[in-house]
Structures are given as structure tokens and as C-alpha cells.
Amino acid sequence: MLKDLEEEIIEYKSVGKFFMAIKKEFGSGDEESVKVAELKKLEQRGRMMKKFVQEFKRAAQKSRYEERPLIKEFKSRINGRIRRKLMETERPPTIIEQWYERAIALDRNERESRREEERLRERQRTSAPKQPEVTRQQWPQP
């Protein structure tokens, strides 16, 4: 490729196409480092745990992280509330698959519990006896 460029046998119409050709020819660099960087950028925040775990697994696949480092990274990326609950159980997870499964279950249960509480509050609000309206009497202006 480089020889062809030097001899002006190959021409690229845009810089983007040139970079795509380079990437195709030489690869995208150190894929392991890229995946580790992806792992370190991930955070669960408001996402459902199931979706977060899928994304985390994809990034972890080529990071070469194994059990302990992977668990450490996963724990630091999930919401603190779920992490604490998992760590405070009588038998905390010990392998990464247990962390995934139990975090997903806990997240699902928490979300369902919040929905149920909202339904109950709504039901209580709509079924509460209505207070009679008190109106102010208007006095004529002098």
C-alpha cells in the first residue's frame, strides 16, 4: 500500500477513505487497550442492568480481564445502591456470572417495587375522600 502511494498508483478522494484503507490494511491498533478503555468509561447510571450487563460483556470480551479484575471493574461501574446490596448479602457473588445475574435480578426487583409503589400512591390519591370546597364569601365593596 505504501509503495503504491509513493509511486502514485493509488489515489484517495478523501482523507476518510485513506484512513479506512490504513485501518483495513494494518488493523485498528491495540484492541485490548481499546476494550479496557471502553470498560473504564462505562457506567450504569439510569440504565436497566440487563442492558448495562450486555454492554459491559461486549467491552470485556477482548479486554483480557478475567475474574477478579473483571469483578472489580464491574462493581465500580454499577450503581452504588445495587453494589452495596449485593456485597451485604449473606453470600455475596464470587464469580462474574453471579454478579451479572444477581445484579440484573436486583435491578428488576427494585424497578418493579418502585412501579408498584407508584400504583399504590395513585390508587390512594384517587380513592381518598374528597374534602368539601370552602369558598370565600364576597362582601360588597363600599
C-alpha atoms as a PDB file:
ATOM      1  CA  MET A   1       0.000   0.000   0.000  1.00  0.00           C
ATOM      2  CA  LEU A   2       2.752   2.463   0.960  1.00  0.00           C
ATOM      3  CA  LYS A   3       4.766   1.624  -2.141  1.00  0.00           C
ATOM      4  CA  ASP A   4       1.694   2.183  -4.330  1.00  0.00           C
ATOM      5  CA  LEU A   5       1.115   5.567  -2.660  1.00  0.00           C
ATOM      6  CA  GLU A   6       4.719   6.592  -3.175  1.00  0.00           C
ATOM      7  CA  GLU A   7       4.548   5.626  -6.840  1.00  0.00           C
ATOM      8  CA  GLU A   8       1.167   7.400  -7.089  1.00  0.00           C
ATOM      9  CA  ILE A   9      -0.579   4.236  -8.273  1.00  0.00           C
ATOM     10  CA  ILE A  10      -3.312   4.657  -5.637  1.00  0.00           C
ATOM     11  CA  GLU A  11      -5.220   7.873  -5.074  1.00  0.00           C
ATOM     12  CA  TYR A  12      -7.785   8.553  -2.375  1.00  0.00           C
ATOM     13  CA  LYS A  13     -10.594  11.032  -2.885  1.00  0.00           C
ATOM     14  CA  SER A  14     -10.846  11.882   0.792  1.00  0.00           C
ATOM     15  CA  VAL A  15      -8.821  11.651   3.966  1.00  0.00           C
ATOM     16  CA  GLY A  16     -11.566   9.475   5.472  1.00  0.00           C
ATOM     17  CA  LYS A  17     -11.187   6.885   2.715  1.00  0.00           C
ATOM     18  CA  PHE A  18      -7.424   6.976   3.167  1.00  0.00           C
ATOM     19  CA  PHE A  19      -7.741   6.300   6.903  1.00  0.00           C
ATOM     20  CA  MET A  20     -10.235   3.496   6.267  1.00  0.00           C
ATOM     21  CA  ALA A  21      -7.734   1.875   3.904  1.00  0.00           C
ATOM     22  CA  ILE A  22      -4.972   2.187   6.509  1.00  0.00           C
ATOM     23  CA  LYS A  23      -7.194   0.691   9.188  1.00  0.00           C
ATOM     24  CA  LYS A  24      -8.151  -2.174   6.874  1.00  0.00           C
ATOM     25  CA  GLU A  25      -4.517  -2.805   5.961  1.00  0.00           C
ATOM     26  CA  PHE A  26      -2.940  -2.506   9.407  1.00  0.00           C
ATOM     27  CA  GLY A  27      -5.784  -3.049  11.861  1.00  0.00           C
ATOM     28  CA  SER A  28      -7.196  -0.682  14.438  1.00  0.00           C
ATOM     29  CA  GLY A  29      -4.293  -0.809  16.879  1.00  0.00           C
ATOM     30  CA  ASP A  30      -4.189  -2.453  20.238  1.00  0.00           C
ATOM     31  CA  GLU A  31      -7.715  -3.830  20.538  1.00  0.00           C
ATOM     32  CA  GLU A  32      -7.132  -4.991  24.112  1.00  0.00           C
ATOM     33  CA  SER A  33      -6.280  -1.457  25.264  1.00  0.00           C
ATOM     34  CA  VAL A  34      -9.284  -0.074  23.420  1.00  0.00           C
ATOM     35  CA  LYS A  35     -11.603  -2.553  25.155  1.00  0.00           C
ATOM     36  CA  VAL A  36     -10.093  -1.800  28.573  1.00  0.00           C
ATOM     37  CA  ALA A  37     -10.651   1.908  27.937  1.00  0.00           C
ATOM     38  CA  GLU A  38     -14.263   1.153  26.936  1.00  0.00           C
ATOM     39  CA  LEU A  39     -14.772  -0.764  30.190  1.00  0.00           C
ATOM     40  CA  LYS A  40     -13.441   2.139  32.212  1.00  0.00           C
ATOM     41  CA  LYS A  41     -15.810   4.587  30.501  1.00  0.00           C
ATOM     42  CA  LEU A  42     -18.951   2.539  31.124  1.00  0.00           C
ATOM     43  CA  GLU A  43     -21.364   3.452  33.911  1.00  0.00           C
ATOM     44  CA  GLN A  44     -24.808   2.085  34.614  1.00  0.00           C
ATOM     45  CA  ARG A  45     -26.462   5.308  35.755  1.00  0.00           C
ATOM     46  CA  GLY A  46     -30.213   5.104  34.999  1.00  0.00           C
ATOM     47  CA  ARG A  47     -29.998   2.249  32.503  1.00  0.00           C
ATOM     48  CA  MET A  48     -31.579  -1.099  33.143  1.00  0.00           C
ATOM     49  CA  MET A  49     -28.986  -3.509  34.495  1.00  0.00           C
ATOM     50  CA  LYS A  50     -29.727  -6.073  31.775  1.00  0.00           C
ATOM     51  CA  LYS A  51     -28.718  -3.597  29.050  1.00  0.00           C
ATOM     52  CA  PHE A  52     -25.705  -2.432  31.020  1.00  0.00           C
ATOM     53  CA  VAL A  53     -24.502  -6.028  31.525  1.00  0.00           C
ATOM     54  CA  GLN A  54     -24.795  -6.714  27.773  1.00  0.00           C
ATOM     55  CA  GLU A  55     -22.702  -3.646  27.006  1.00  0.00           C
ATOM     56  CA  PHE A  56     -20.202  -4.493  29.749  1.00  0.00           C
ATOM     57  CA  LYS A  57     -19.826  -8.060  28.431  1.00  0.00           C
ATOM     58  CA  ARG A  58     -19.150  -6.796  24.900  1.00  0.00           C
ATOM     59  CA  ALA A  59     -16.421  -4.472  26.131  1.00  0.00           C
ATOM     60  CA  ALA A  60     -14.981  -7.114  28.476  1.00  0.00           C
ATOM     61  CA  GLN A  61     -14.782  -9.768  25.787  1.00  0.00           C
ATOM     62  CA  LYS A  62     -11.482  -8.658  24.283  1.00  0.00           C
ATOM     63  CA  SER A  63     -10.094  -6.805  27.295  1.00  0.00           C
ATOM     64  CA  ARG A  64      -8.440  -9.991  28.567  1.00  0.00           C
ATOM     65  CA  TYR A  65      -9.698  -9.155  32.040  1.00  0.00           C
ATOM     66  CA  GLU A  66     -10.560 -12.269  33.977  1.00  0.00           C
ATOM     67  CA  GLU A  67     -12.476 -12.974  37.169  1.00  0.00           C
ATOM     68  CA  ARG A  68     -11.056 -10.722  39.912  1.00  0.00           C
ATOM     69  CA  PRO A  69     -10.113  -7.696  37.798  1.00  0.00           C
ATOM     70  CA  LEU A  70     -13.351  -8.047  35.829  1.00  0.00           C
ATOM     71  CA  ILE A  71     -15.441  -8.253  39.008  1.00  0.00           C
ATOM     72  CA  LYS A  72     -13.626  -5.230  40.416  1.00  0.00           C
ATOM     73  CA  GLU A  73     -14.330  -3.265  37.237  1.00  0.00           C
ATOM     74  CA  PHE A  74     -17.987  -4.364  37.160  1.00  0.00           C
ATOM     75  CA  LYS A  75     -18.528  -3.405  40.807  1.00  0.00           C
ATOM     76  CA  SER A  76     -17.096   0.049  40.205  1.00  0.00           C
ATOM     77  CA  ARG A  77     -19.368   0.632  37.188  1.00  0.00           C
ATOM     78  CA  ILE A  78     -22.768  -0.325  38.632  1.00  0.00           C
ATOM     79  CA  ASN A  79     -24.952   1.920  40.778  1.00  0.00           C
ATOM     80  CA  GLY A  80     -23.751   2.089  44.382  1.00  0.00           C
ATOM     81  CA  ARG A  81     -27.133   1.116  45.812  1.00  0.00           C
ATOM     82  CA  ILE A  82     -27.121  -2.210  43.933  1.00  0.00           C
ATOM     83  CA  ARG A  83     -23.421  -2.819  44.632  1.00  0.00           C
ATOM     84  CA  ARG A  84     -23.959  -2.366  48.386  1.00  0.00           C
ATOM     85  CA  LYS A  85     -26.962  -4.679  48.437  1.00  0.00           C
ATOM     86  CA  LEU A  86     -25.028  -7.396  46.611  1.00  0.00           C
ATOM     87  CA  MET A  87     -21.977  -7.060  48.834  1.00  0.00           C
ATOM     88  CA  GLU A  88     -24.031  -7.042  52.033  1.00  0.00           C
ATOM     89  CA  THR A  89     -25.886 -10.283  51.312  1.00  0.00           C
ATOM     90  CA  GLU A  90     -25.166 -13.356  53.383  1.00  0.00           C
ATOM     91  CA  ARG A  91     -23.440 -14.970  50.391  1.00  0.00           C
ATOM     92  CA  PRO A  92     -22.078 -12.288  48.065  1.00  0.00           C
ATOM     93  CA  PRO A  93     -21.410 -13.284  44.443  1.00  0.00           C
ATOM     94  CA  THR A  94     -17.980 -14.810  43.899  1.00  0.00           C
ATOM     95  CA  ILE A  95     -17.763 -15.177  40.106  1.00  0.00           C
ATOM     96  CA  ILE A  96     -18.572 -12.638  37.412  1.00  0.00           C
ATOM     97  CA  GLU A  97     -21.605 -14.532  36.073  1.00  0.00           C
ATOM     98  CA  GLN A  98     -23.154 -14.457  39.557  1.00  0.00           C
ATOM     99  CA  TRP A  99     -22.542 -10.722  39.699  1.00  0.00           C
ATOM    100  CA  TYR A 100     -24.299 -10.290  36.366  1.00  0.00           C
ATOM    101  CA  GLU A 101     -27.281 -12.497  37.227  1.00  0.00           C
ATOM    102  CA  ARG A 102     -27.854 -11.172  40.731  1.00  0.00           C
ATOM    103  CA  ALA A 103     -27.392  -7.528  39.721  1.00  0.00           C
ATOM    104  CA  ILE A 104     -29.951  -7.963  36.923  1.00  0.00           C
ATOM    105  CA  ALA A 105     -32.425  -9.630  39.305  1.00  0.00           C
ATOM    106  CA  LEU A 106     -31.956  -6.970  41.978  1.00  0.00           C
ATOM    107  CA  ASP A 107     -32.355  -4.133  39.473  1.00  0.00           C
ATOM    108  CA  ARG A 108     -35.510  -5.738  38.038  1.00  0.00           C
ATOM    109  CA  ASN A 109     -36.982  -6.195  41.546  1.00  0.00           C
ATOM    110  CA  GLU A 110     -36.195  -2.600  42.533  1.00  0.00           C
ATOM    111  CA  ARG A 111     -37.817  -1.226  39.389  1.00  0.00           C
ATOM    112  CA  GLU A 112     -40.907  -3.393  39.870  1.00  0.00           C
ATOM    113  CA  SER A 113     -41.131  -2.321  43.515  1.00  0.00           C
ATOM    114  CA  ARG A 114     -40.990   1.359  42.513  1.00  0.00           C
ATOM    115  CA  ARG A 115     -43.733   0.838  39.899  1.00  0.00           C
ATOM    116  CA  GLU A 116     -45.898  -0.914  42.482  1.00  0.00           C
ATOM    117  CA  GLU A 117     -45.398   1.901  44.998  1.00  0.00           C
ATOM    118  CA  GLU A 118     -46.388   4.448  42.341  1.00  0.00           C
ATOM    119  CA  ARG A 119     -49.540   2.455  41.530  1.00  0.00           C
ATOM    120  CA  LEU A 120     -50.465   2.277  45.213  1.00  0.00           C
ATOM    121  CA  ARG A 121     -49.897   6.006  45.710  1.00  0.00           C
ATOM    122  CA  GLU A 122     -52.008   6.757  42.649  1.00  0.00           C
ATOM    123  CA  ARG A 123     -54.780   4.464  43.866  1.00  0.00           C
ATOM    124  CA  GLN A 124     -54.723   6.095  47.317  1.00  0.00           C
ATOM    125  CA  ARG A 125     -54.778   9.544  45.784  1.00  0.00           C
ATOM    126  CA  THR A 126     -57.761   8.800  43.558  1.00  0.00           C
ATOM    127  CA  SER A 127     -59.732   6.903  46.197  1.00  0.00           C
ATOM    128  CA  ALA A 128     -59.201   9.376  49.054  1.00  0.00           C
ATOM    129  CA  PRO A 129     -62.419  11.080  50.198  1.00  0.00           C
ATOM    130  CA  LYS A 130     -62.790  14.489  48.685  1.00  0.00           C
ATOM    131  CA  GLN A 131     -62.688  17.417  51.036  1.00  0.00           C
ATOM    132  CA  PRO A 132     -65.585  19.841  50.676  1.00  0.00           C
ATOM    133  CA  GLU A 133     -64.549  23.008  48.980  1.00  0.00           C
ATOM    134  CA  VAL A 134     -64.634  26.056  51.175  1.00  0.00           C
ATOM    135  CA  THR A 135     -65.413  29.201  49.278  1.00  0.00           C
ATOM    136  CA  ARG A 136     -64.842  32.682  50.494  1.00  0.00           C
ATOM    137  CA  GLN A 137     -67.861  34.854  50.739  1.00  0.00           C
ATOM    138  CA  GLN A 138     -67.566  38.002  48.707  1.00  0.00           C
ATOM    139  CA  TRP A 139     -68.650  41.133  50.521  1.00  0.00           C
ATOM    140  CA  PRO A 140     -69.844  44.092  48.561  1.00  0.00           C
ATOM    141  CA  GLN A 141     -67.322  46.846  48.110  1.00  0.00           C
ATOM    142  CA  PRO A 142     -68.234  50.152  49.818  1.00  0.00           C
END
